[in-house]
């Protein structure tokens, strides 16, 4: 699969000109037994002598945290401890008494707000149908106006309890809206396990899989300190520039939805174990990949407006849904993933997909701002097409790849 290495190199800057380039990128493709392909290109910082970008380059993975948290809580469901349709308000009282913004009164000054009386379920939190919405996303004018009306100061990037608990934009179960539901699933895990989320994930997932450099920011493991990448900003002219990371210096609220930092190597270990059925039983795997939302057009429209680069992986007209771990494609994409494949990514533009029918998964690790970078989108599309071309030439789920254990 040497052509994929060439793809990575083509997308990273080789000199001071960063126009429509990335500083660095790494990719790993796995099946259930190990690595099918791995490679990296570029560097971790702007100076010409900066260390090379590698499979162990360390950075914020943002919403790639969600799949890990989803798998962790589904282990409770697998064990019969928790139900997907169970009302979680008695376990997480902060979810009780939430209000819903329904527009504004005729005077134009007073919001129409009603108290939510419906259950809040695990299925809703995982599938973004709880009514919770990330408050910094565009396209929700009533939410933005209401937060200004009440002089709300904390927001999503505060990583505080109040920052992840704004007014609902719809009643639970009423509509799809991307929000902090999985962040509250992290709190659910804490309440059930009696352990902090970082301790629980470390004991149940990270240590067993050898994920030694996956932690909640701002922690940086000693082994990762020389491998930490910067977060470049894509400017209007296509050039990259330095920026301050949007996360706070302290993560007051351990965010199961966006709080982790990791490496390509660690995340590939997780994807391989998930494919192999080592983390969830078959019934839970089926549920993880089953769409809970039929309104795929609404999902596509929202994602296209927020993150156009992310949507390049989906051919125009491909029906989509929202499953418990990410968005799913509901039919095969020619030359790419099969139907019921699942994918998601993070605000820092790292992304993953899992194709159970073909038996492969991939993680693309970059660190780039803002979300939905068009350059990353083109790289992701070209990378995926090259993976499936190589699989089709090799047959039997990629027999031409050199196998290696993670």
Foldseek 3Di string as FASTA:
>chain_A
DVVLQVLQAVQADPDQFQFNHAQKKKKWKAFLFFTQDIDMAHAQDRDNPGHTAHQFFKDFFFQVLLLLLLLLVVVCVQVVNFDQADQCCVLPVLLAFAKEFDAADPVNQHTDIDTAPDGQGNQCLLQQQQQAAQQPAPDQVSQVVVCVSVVPDAAPQALDPVNQRGHGHDHRPPDHHDGQSSQVSQVSCCSVVVDHSQVSCCVQPCVVLVQPQKGFPPDGDPVNPSRYHFFWEQDPSRGTDHDDDSHDNDNNRCGSRTGIMGGNVNVVSVLSCVLNCNRHHPVSNVQQLDFPDQPQVVVVVSCCVRAVLQCLQPPPPFRWGGGSNAIFTQAQDPLAAGGSKGKDGRQQLWIKIAHNVLRMIMTMDGGYDGHNDNSSSVSVNVSRSVLSVQCVVCDPSNPVGDGDHD
